Amino acid sequence: MSAESHIGSRIRGLRGRILTQRELAEAAGVSVDLIRKLEQGARRTASIGSLHAIARALDVDIADLLGRRVGPLSTEPGAGVVAVRRALTTVDDLLDEVEQDAPTSIGQARRTVAYGWAAYWHGRYAQLVGLLPQMIVQLRASAAVEQASRQSAHELLSRCLWLAGCTLVHLGHPDPAWLAIRQAITAAEQGGDDLLCGVLRGSAAWQLLVQGRYVEAHRLATHAATSIQPGADADPERLSNYGSLIITAATAAARDGRTAEARHLMAQAAEVAVHTGDRADYETYFGPSQVAMQTVDIAVVTEDYTGALSAATRMPRDSTLPLASRARHLADQAFAYARLGRRERAVQALLVAERMAPDWMEYQTLPRRVVSELLGAERSTPLRELAHRLGVSD
């Protein structure tokens, strides 16, 4: 039986003889009935907040409960995630040495970083892991020797490190991801771009959110939003990224159980989106489409599944969301359909997401959660085939 198909088996294995079901429930702040049903397989999943609480009580990452695929793996010691980690933990500065690789030109660096982010928004994480080590080394070298375009060199280095952090989060490596985003913030500060610094703090808040550190995520996103708060004559870039930070704060509030505050913040973001339209600034998407998508996400997190599907109808027809975001939006809808007993619609939404972004689908936890839940109620051929492709078995 795989981890994805039975979260309870992992909970039972992790608590072992150290905690009773009741002690674990008390430590996590959830009902003992929930723990019992999960371990017995009577329930195949729980709210993301409850799962994070259980993981914290067991002193493990939530990925250990959900069976997230970690990868891409490589048999070579200098390849894959290992190579990215090595690039992030260089010792050259401790040896008073400059990166040995030749620096790349600003123009070439800009094209490389743009290509990397395009791959990210298509969910091509395996491809990125192969590119990122060399990108990091070359851009560090450029930032170290560039004089005429020092600000641009540090900006591009920060965007590359940010890309590394985001990619590592999706691959299930939170520690090097955090190292990458902190280095990205330092590089942005050296470049002197206050807006980029604010945006990167928002990305750090997103990492905290993924780790289940909701209070800290909310505080950091709110602080970052305040740092770039737009004035009356603010340009669209600042407005857009301010709105994105408000959404991050709203998402954290929702996962922390503060539903009213989350809705209040989303209303603020919606007001900003009216003035910006759909935009993509600093590798960040914001506008009416993003507001619609995150409204669905918040409704799912707060278990308002009917509200989630209602909010999904407000997605603009001409949405410019990137591929990975559209696939995630479909996965959220699939979760809502599954919880409402509309299993066929849930399967169809997941199949569309898979056709749209197969690379993204390979490393995501949410689709596996939905498939695992659906397997307990039906055995249609499309569902069984999808479960096989995602590595979910019963």
Protein backbone atom coordinates (compact mmCIF):
# COMPACT_ATOMS: atom_id res chain seq x y z
CA MET A 1 0.00 0.00 0.00
CA SER A 2 1.51 3.33 -1.00
CA ALA A 3 1.81 6.37 1.25
CA GLU A 4 -0.42 8.36 -1.05
CA SER A 5 -3.27 5.88 -0.75
CA HIS A 6 -3.32 5.74 3.06
CA ILE A 7 -2.03 8.72 5.04
CA GLY A 8 -3.08 6.94 8.21
CA SER A 9 -0.52 4.18 7.74
CA ARG A 10 2.22 6.78 7.80
CA ILE A 11 0.77 8.49 10.87
CA ARG A 12 0.63 5.13 12.66
CA GLY A 13 4.20 4.34 11.66
CA LEU A 14 5.54 7.74 12.69
CA ARG A 15 3.91 7.82 16.12
CA GLY A 16 4.89 4.18 16.71
CA ARG A 17 5.13 3.38 20.39
CA ILE A 18 5.97 6.94 21.42
CA LEU A 19 2.48 8.48 21.33
CA THR A 20 -0.97 7.06 21.73
CA GLN A 21 -3.69 8.23 19.36
CA ARG A 22 -5.09 10.46 22.10
CA GLU A 23 -1.71 11.97 22.94
CA LEU A 24 -1.08 12.73 19.27
CA ALA A 25 -4.52 14.29 18.92
CA GLU A 26 -3.93 16.49 21.97
CA ALA A 27 -0.49 17.55 20.75
CA ALA A 28 -1.86 18.42 17.30
CA GLY A 29 -5.03 20.07 18.57
CA VAL A 30 -7.29 17.78 16.54
CA SER A 31 -9.90 15.21 17.56
CA VAL A 32 -8.84 11.71 18.49
CA ASP A 33 -11.65 10.55 16.21
CA LEU A 34 -9.82 12.11 13.24
CA ILE A 35 -6.57 10.31 14.13
CA ARG A 36 -8.42 7.02 14.62
CA LYS A 37 -10.30 7.25 11.32
CA LEU A 38 -7.18 8.22 9.38
CA GLU A 39 -5.21 5.32 10.79
CA GLN A 40 -8.04 2.88 10.12
CA GLY A 41 -8.45 4.13 6.56
CA ALA A 42 -12.03 5.23 7.25
CA ARG A 43 -10.86 8.71 6.24
CA ARG A 44 -8.26 9.10 3.54
CA THR A 45 -7.44 12.75 4.07
CA ALA A 46 -8.13 15.79 6.23
CA SER A 47 -7.91 19.56 5.90
CA ILE A 48 -4.46 20.88 5.09
CA GLY A 49 -4.42 22.72 8.42
CA SER A 50 -5.08 19.50 10.35
CA LEU A 51 -2.40 17.64 8.40
CA HIS A 52 0.16 20.37 9.11
CA ALA A 53 -0.77 20.23 12.82
CA ILE A 54 -0.36 16.45 12.91
CA ALA A 55 2.99 16.72 11.10
CA ARG A 56 4.23 19.31 13.61
CA ALA A 57 3.14 17.12 16.52
CA LEU A 58 5.10 14.22 15.00
CA ASP A 59 8.09 16.52 14.32
CA VAL A 60 8.10 15.75 10.59
CA ASP A 61 7.43 17.65 7.40
CA ILE A 62 3.95 17.37 5.93
CA ALA A 63 5.54 15.65 2.91
CA ASP A 64 6.26 12.70 5.21
CA LEU A 65 2.52 12.31 5.70
CA LEU A 66 1.43 12.92 2.14
CA GLY A 67 4.10 10.84 0.42
CA ARG A 68 5.16 13.62 -1.89
CA ARG A 69 7.51 12.54 -4.61
CA VAL A 70 10.93 14.03 -4.00
CA GLY A 71 13.04 14.49 -7.05
CA PRO A 72 14.09 14.49 -9.70
CA LEU A 73 16.65 11.99 -8.46
CA SER A 74 20.02 11.38 -10.02
CA THR A 75 22.51 8.56 -9.57
CA GLU A 76 25.36 11.01 -10.15
CA PRO A 77 26.69 12.76 -7.00
CA GLY A 78 27.24 16.01 -8.91
CA ALA A 79 23.85 16.14 -10.61
CA GLY A 80 20.21 16.79 -9.77
CA VAL A 81 19.20 18.50 -6.55
CA VAL A 82 22.63 17.72 -5.09
CA ALA A 83 24.22 19.97 -7.71
CA VAL A 84 21.78 22.79 -6.97
CA ARG A 85 22.49 22.46 -3.26
CA ARG A 86 26.23 22.55 -3.94
CA ALA A 87 25.87 25.71 -6.04
CA LEU A 88 23.95 27.34 -3.20
CA THR A 89 26.56 26.39 -0.60
CA THR A 90 29.72 27.53 -2.37
CA VAL A 91 32.80 28.14 -0.20
CA ASP A 92 34.64 30.36 -2.69
CA ASP A 93 33.83 33.53 -0.72
CA LEU A 94 35.31 31.94 2.42
CA LEU A 95 38.50 31.28 0.45
CA ASP A 96 38.51 34.86 -0.90
CA GLU A 97 38.15 33.47 -4.40
CA VAL A 98 35.91 34.45 -7.29
CA GLU A 99 33.76 31.86 -9.02
CA GLN A 100 35.94 30.01 -11.52
CA ASP A 101 33.35 29.92 -14.28
CA ALA A 102 33.48 32.76 -16.78
CA PRO A 103 30.81 35.40 -16.12
CA THR A 104 28.04 35.68 -18.66
CA SER A 105 27.02 38.92 -20.34
CA ILE A 106 24.05 40.84 -18.94
CA GLY A 107 22.10 40.26 -22.15
CA GLN A 108 22.72 36.52 -22.13
CA ALA A 109 21.98 36.31 -18.41
CA ARG A 110 18.66 38.07 -18.92
CA ARG A 111 17.68 35.61 -21.65
CA THR A 112 18.75 32.63 -19.54
CA VAL A 113 16.78 33.76 -16.49
CA ALA A 114 13.71 34.48 -18.63
CA TYR A 115 13.96 30.99 -20.14
CA GLY A 116 14.27 29.47 -16.67
CA TRP A 117 11.16 31.20 -15.38
CA ALA A 118 9.20 30.17 -18.49
CA ALA A 119 10.17 26.55 -17.77
CA TYR A 120 9.08 26.99 -14.15
CA TRP A 121 5.63 28.26 -15.07
CA HIS A 122 5.24 25.20 -17.30
CA GLY A 123 6.11 22.91 -14.37
CA ARG A 124 9.35 21.64 -15.94
CA TYR A 125 11.18 21.17 -12.66
CA ALA A 126 13.38 18.29 -13.82
CA GLN A 127 14.67 20.44 -16.67
CA LEU A 128 15.35 23.32 -14.30
CA VAL A 129 17.36 21.18 -11.89
CA GLY A 130 19.72 20.47 -14.77
CA LEU A 131 20.06 24.16 -15.65
CA LEU A 132 20.16 25.89 -12.28
CA PRO A 133 23.63 24.91 -10.97
CA GLN A 134 25.45 26.44 -13.93
CA MET A 135 23.11 29.44 -13.97
CA ILE A 136 23.82 30.19 -10.31
CA VAL A 137 27.58 29.89 -10.71
CA GLN A 138 27.74 32.06 -13.83
CA LEU A 139 25.47 34.76 -12.44
CA ARG A 140 27.45 34.88 -9.20
CA ALA A 141 30.58 35.39 -11.26
CA SER A 142 28.88 38.17 -13.22
CA ALA A 143 27.72 39.92 -10.04
CA ALA A 144 31.26 39.68 -8.61
CA VAL A 145 33.07 41.26 -11.57
CA GLU A 146 30.44 43.45 -13.24
CA GLN A 147 30.98 47.15 -12.63
CA ALA A 148 29.09 49.05 -15.32
CA SER A 149 25.88 47.06 -14.80
CA ARG A 150 26.26 46.06 -11.17
CA GLN A 151 22.58 46.65 -10.34
CA SER A 152 21.39 44.54 -13.26
CA ALA A 153 23.85 41.75 -12.43
CA HIS A 154 22.61 41.50 -8.84
CA GLU A 155 18.99 41.72 -9.97
CA LEU A 156 19.48 38.78 -12.34
CA LEU A 157 21.36 36.78 -9.71
CA SER A 158 18.51 37.35 -7.26
CA ARG A 159 15.93 36.23 -9.82
CA CYS A 160 17.96 33.09 -10.52
CA LEU A 161 18.29 32.24 -6.83
CA TRP A 162 14.58 32.91 -6.40
CA LEU A 163 13.87 30.52 -9.25
CA ALA A 164 16.00 27.90 -7.52
CA GLY A 165 14.07 28.36 -4.29
CA CYS A 166 10.68 28.04 -5.95
CA THR A 167 11.75 24.95 -7.87
CA LEU A 168 13.14 23.24 -4.77
CA VAL A 169 9.87 23.83 -2.90
CA HIS A 170 7.96 21.90 -5.56
CA LEU A 171 10.51 19.10 -5.45
CA GLY A 172 10.10 18.70 -1.69
CA HIS A 173 13.39 20.25 -0.48
CA PRO A 174 12.37 23.06 1.89
CA ASP A 175 15.75 23.66 3.55
CA PRO A 176 17.83 24.46 0.44
CA ALA A 177 14.79 26.33 -0.90
CA TRP A 178 14.88 28.61 2.14
CA LEU A 179 18.63 29.11 1.71
CA ALA A 180 18.03 30.10 -1.91
CA ILE A 181 15.36 32.69 -1.16
CA ARG A 182 17.45 34.26 1.61
CA GLN A 183 20.39 34.54 -0.80
CA ALA A 184 18.04 36.00 -3.41
CA ILE A 185 16.94 38.71 -0.97
CA THR A 186 20.56 39.58 -0.19
CA ALA A 187 21.40 39.87 -3.89
CA ALA A 188 18.34 42.07 -4.49
CA GLU A 189 19.36 44.35 -1.62
CA GLN A 190 22.82 44.70 -3.17
CA GLY A 191 21.13 45.63 -6.43
CA GLY A 192 19.07 48.31 -4.70
CA ASP A 193 15.65 47.37 -6.12
CA ASP A 194 13.20 47.93 -3.26
CA LEU A 195 10.25 46.52 -5.19
CA LEU A 196 12.09 43.29 -5.96
CA CYS A 197 13.10 43.02 -2.29
CA GLY A 198 9.45 43.28 -1.29
CA VAL A 199 8.41 40.68 -3.84
CA LEU A 200 11.09 38.26 -2.65
CA ARG A 201 9.94 38.64 0.93
CA GLY A 202 6.52 37.64 -0.35
CA SER A 203 8.08 34.51 -1.85
CA ALA A 204 9.71 33.76 1.50
CA ALA A 205 6.25 34.09 3.06
CA TRP A 206 4.95 31.57 0.52
CA GLN A 207 7.69 29.14 1.57
CA LEU A 208 6.67 29.55 5.19
CA LEU A 209 3.08 28.94 4.18
CA VAL A 210 4.04 25.69 2.44
CA GLN A 211 5.84 24.63 5.63
CA GLY A 212 2.70 25.24 7.70
CA ARG A 213 4.15 28.30 9.47
CA TYR A 214 1.01 30.33 8.86
CA VAL A 215 1.41 33.05 11.48
CA GLU A 216 4.93 33.87 10.30
CA ALA A 217 3.83 33.73 6.66
CA HIS A 218 1.03 36.19 7.36
CA ARG A 219 3.33 38.55 9.27
CA LEU A 220 6.00 38.50 6.58
CA ALA A 221 3.58 38.99 3.69
CA THR A 222 1.89 41.88 5.51
CA HIS A 223 5.25 43.45 6.33
CA ALA A 224 6.39 43.12 2.71
CA ALA A 225 3.14 44.66 1.46
CA THR A 226 3.63 47.62 3.80
CA SER A 227 7.19 48.08 2.54
CA ILE A 228 6.00 48.61 -1.05
CA GLN A 229 2.59 50.12 -0.31
CA PRO A 230 1.61 52.15 -3.38
CA GLY A 231 0.75 55.83 -3.30
CA ALA A 232 -1.94 57.60 -5.27
CA ASP A 233 0.25 57.80 -8.39
CA ALA A 234 1.78 54.32 -8.12
CA ASP A 235 2.76 52.56 -11.33
CA PRO A 236 1.03 49.28 -12.30
CA GLU A 237 4.08 47.19 -11.33
CA ARG A 238 3.93 48.34 -7.71
CA LEU A 239 0.16 47.97 -7.55
CA SER A 240 0.36 44.47 -9.01
CA ASN A 241 2.97 43.20 -6.60
CA TYR A 242 1.28 44.88 -3.64
CA GLY A 243 -1.92 43.04 -4.55
CA SER A 244 -0.02 39.75 -4.82
CA LEU A 245 1.39 40.18 -1.31
CA ILE A 246 -2.11 40.85 0.03
CA ILE A 247 -3.23 37.57 -1.53
CA THR A 248 -0.35 35.72 0.16
CA ALA A 249 -1.39 37.20 3.51
CA ALA A 250 -4.99 36.16 2.84
CA THR A 251 -3.95 32.61 1.98
CA ALA A 252 -1.94 32.36 5.20
CA ALA A 253 -4.86 33.70 7.25
CA ALA A 254 -7.21 31.15 5.72
CA ARG A 255 -4.88 28.26 6.51
CA ASP A 256 -4.56 29.56 10.06
CA GLY A 257 -8.34 29.36 10.46
CA ARG A 258 -8.96 33.11 10.25
CA THR A 259 -11.59 32.94 7.54
CA ALA A 260 -13.07 36.42 8.06
CA GLU A 261 -9.67 38.09 7.81
CA ALA A 262 -8.80 36.04 4.72
CA ARG A 263 -11.99 37.20 2.99
CA HIS A 264 -11.34 40.80 4.02
CA LEU A 265 -7.85 40.68 2.54
CA MET A 266 -9.12 39.07 -0.66
CA ALA A 267 -11.64 41.89 -1.01
CA GLN A 268 -8.74 44.35 -0.78
CA ALA A 269 -6.81 42.43 -3.42
CA ALA A 270 -9.87 42.41 -5.68
CA GLU A 271 -10.07 46.20 -5.43
CA VAL A 272 -6.44 46.49 -6.49
CA ALA A 273 -7.00 44.04 -9.36
CA VAL A 274 -9.68 46.31 -10.82
CA HIS A 275 -6.96 48.91 -11.43
CA THR A 276 -4.29 46.57 -12.76
CA GLY A 277 -6.02 43.94 -14.86
CA ASP A 278 -4.10 40.71 -15.37
CA ARG A 279 -0.37 41.38 -15.26
CA ALA A 280 2.93 39.57 -14.81
CA ASP A 281 5.58 41.69 -13.09
CA TYR A 282 8.73 40.42 -11.41
CA GLU A 283 7.84 36.83 -12.31
CA THR A 284 4.60 37.29 -10.35
CA TYR A 285 1.08 37.03 -11.73
CA PHE A 286 -1.69 39.24 -10.38
CA GLY A 287 -5.07 40.52 -11.47
CA PRO A 288 -8.70 39.39 -11.60
CA SER A 289 -7.65 35.89 -12.68
CA GLN A 290 -5.30 35.43 -9.72
CA VAL A 291 -7.95 36.78 -7.36
CA ALA A 292 -10.47 34.27 -8.72
CA MET A 293 -7.98 31.41 -8.44
CA GLN A 294 -6.98 32.20 -4.85
CA THR A 295 -10.59 32.77 -3.82
CA VAL A 296 -11.25 29.17 -4.89
CA ASP A 297 -8.16 28.01 -2.99
CA ILE A 298 -9.25 29.78 0.20
CA ALA A 299 -12.76 28.34 -0.09
CA VAL A 300 -11.31 24.83 -0.44
CA VAL A 301 -9.00 25.33 2.54
CA THR A 302 -11.90 26.57 4.69
CA GLU A 303 -14.02 23.61 3.48
CA ASP A 304 -16.56 25.78 1.66
CA TYR A 305 -16.67 23.48 -1.36
CA THR A 306 -19.86 24.87 -2.86
CA GLY A 307 -18.41 28.36 -2.53
CA ALA A 308 -15.21 27.19 -4.21
CA LEU A 309 -17.05 25.97 -7.30
CA SER A 310 -19.14 29.14 -7.37
CA ALA A 311 -15.99 31.28 -7.20
CA ALA A 312 -14.45 29.26 -10.05
CA THR A 313 -17.19 30.52 -12.39
CA ARG A 314 -15.80 34.03 -11.93
CA MET A 315 -12.52 33.18 -13.62
CA PRO A 316 -12.18 35.57 -16.60
CA ARG A 317 -12.54 33.85 -19.97
CA ASP A 318 -9.45 35.65 -21.25
CA SER A 319 -7.35 34.68 -18.23
CA THR A 320 -3.59 34.98 -18.70
CA LEU A 321 -2.61 32.68 -15.82
CA PRO A 322 0.43 30.52 -16.59
CA LEU A 323 0.09 26.81 -17.23
CA ALA A 324 1.07 25.68 -13.73
CA SER A 325 -1.44 28.04 -12.12
CA ARG A 326 -4.26 26.88 -14.39
CA ALA A 327 -3.48 23.26 -13.54
CA ARG A 328 -3.47 24.07 -9.82
CA HIS A 329 -6.82 25.85 -10.22
CA LEU A 330 -8.27 22.70 -11.78
CA ALA A 331 -6.86 20.57 -8.95
CA ASP A 332 -8.57 22.81 -6.40
CA GLN A 333 -11.84 22.40 -8.26
CA ALA A 334 -11.31 18.63 -8.41
CA PHE A 335 -10.88 18.59 -4.63
CA ALA A 336 -14.15 20.50 -4.19
CA TYR A 337 -15.98 18.18 -6.60
CA ALA A 338 -14.66 15.13 -4.74
CA ARG A 339 -15.77 16.43 -1.35
CA LEU A 340 -19.25 17.14 -2.73
CA GLY A 341 -19.53 13.61 -4.09
CA ARG A 342 -19.29 14.69 -7.73
CA ARG A 343 -16.61 12.14 -8.46
CA GLU A 344 -16.88 12.07 -12.24
CA ARG A 345 -16.39 15.84 -12.44
CA ALA A 346 -13.40 15.54 -10.08
CA VAL A 347 -11.73 12.94 -12.30
CA GLN A 348 -12.39 14.99 -15.43
CA ALA A 349 -10.85 18.11 -13.86
CA LEU A 350 -7.71 16.15 -12.94
CA LEU A 351 -7.43 14.63 -16.40
CA VAL A 352 -7.64 18.08 -17.97
CA ALA A 353 -4.95 19.33 -15.59
CA GLU A 354 -2.76 16.36 -16.49
CA ARG A 355 -3.15 16.94 -20.23
CA MET A 356 -2.44 20.62 -19.71
CA ALA A 357 0.64 20.30 -17.50
CA PRO A 358 1.93 16.72 -17.17
CA ASP A 359 5.32 17.89 -15.89
CA TRP A 360 3.69 19.96 -13.14
CA MET A 361 1.37 17.10 -12.20
CA GLU A 362 4.24 14.70 -11.56
CA TYR A 363 5.43 16.45 -8.40
CA GLN A 364 2.21 17.82 -6.88
CA THR A 365 0.63 16.60 -3.68
CA LEU A 366 -2.93 17.89 -4.16
CA PRO A 367 -3.85 15.74 -7.20
CA ARG A 368 -2.62 12.67 -5.32
CA ARG A 369 -4.77 13.56 -2.34
CA VAL A 370 -7.83 13.82 -4.58
CA VAL A 371 -7.10 10.58 -6.42
CA SER A 372 -6.49 8.75 -3.13
CA GLU A 373 -9.83 9.94 -1.80
CA LEU A 374 -11.67 9.02 -4.98
CA LEU A 375 -10.23 5.49 -5.04
CA GLY A 376 -12.13 4.69 -1.88
CA ALA A 377 -15.46 5.29 -3.60
CA GLU A 378 -15.09 4.19 -7.21
CA ARG A 379 -12.95 2.15 -9.60
CA SER A 380 -13.58 3.64 -13.02
CA THR A 381 -10.96 2.89 -15.63
CA PRO A 382 -9.91 6.55 -16.14
CA LEU A 383 -9.42 6.95 -12.40
CA ARG A 384 -7.40 3.73 -12.03
CA GLU A 385 -5.21 4.69 -14.99
CA LEU A 386 -4.66 8.18 -13.56
CA ALA A 387 -3.81 6.69 -10.17
CA HIS A 388 -1.24 4.43 -11.85
CA ARG A 389 0.40 7.36 -13.65
CA LEU A 390 0.59 9.37 -10.42
CA GLY A 391 1.93 6.43 -8.42
CA VAL A 392 -1.14 6.19 -6.19
CA SER A 393 -2.24 2.65 -5.32
CA ASP A 394 -4.76 1.17 -2.94
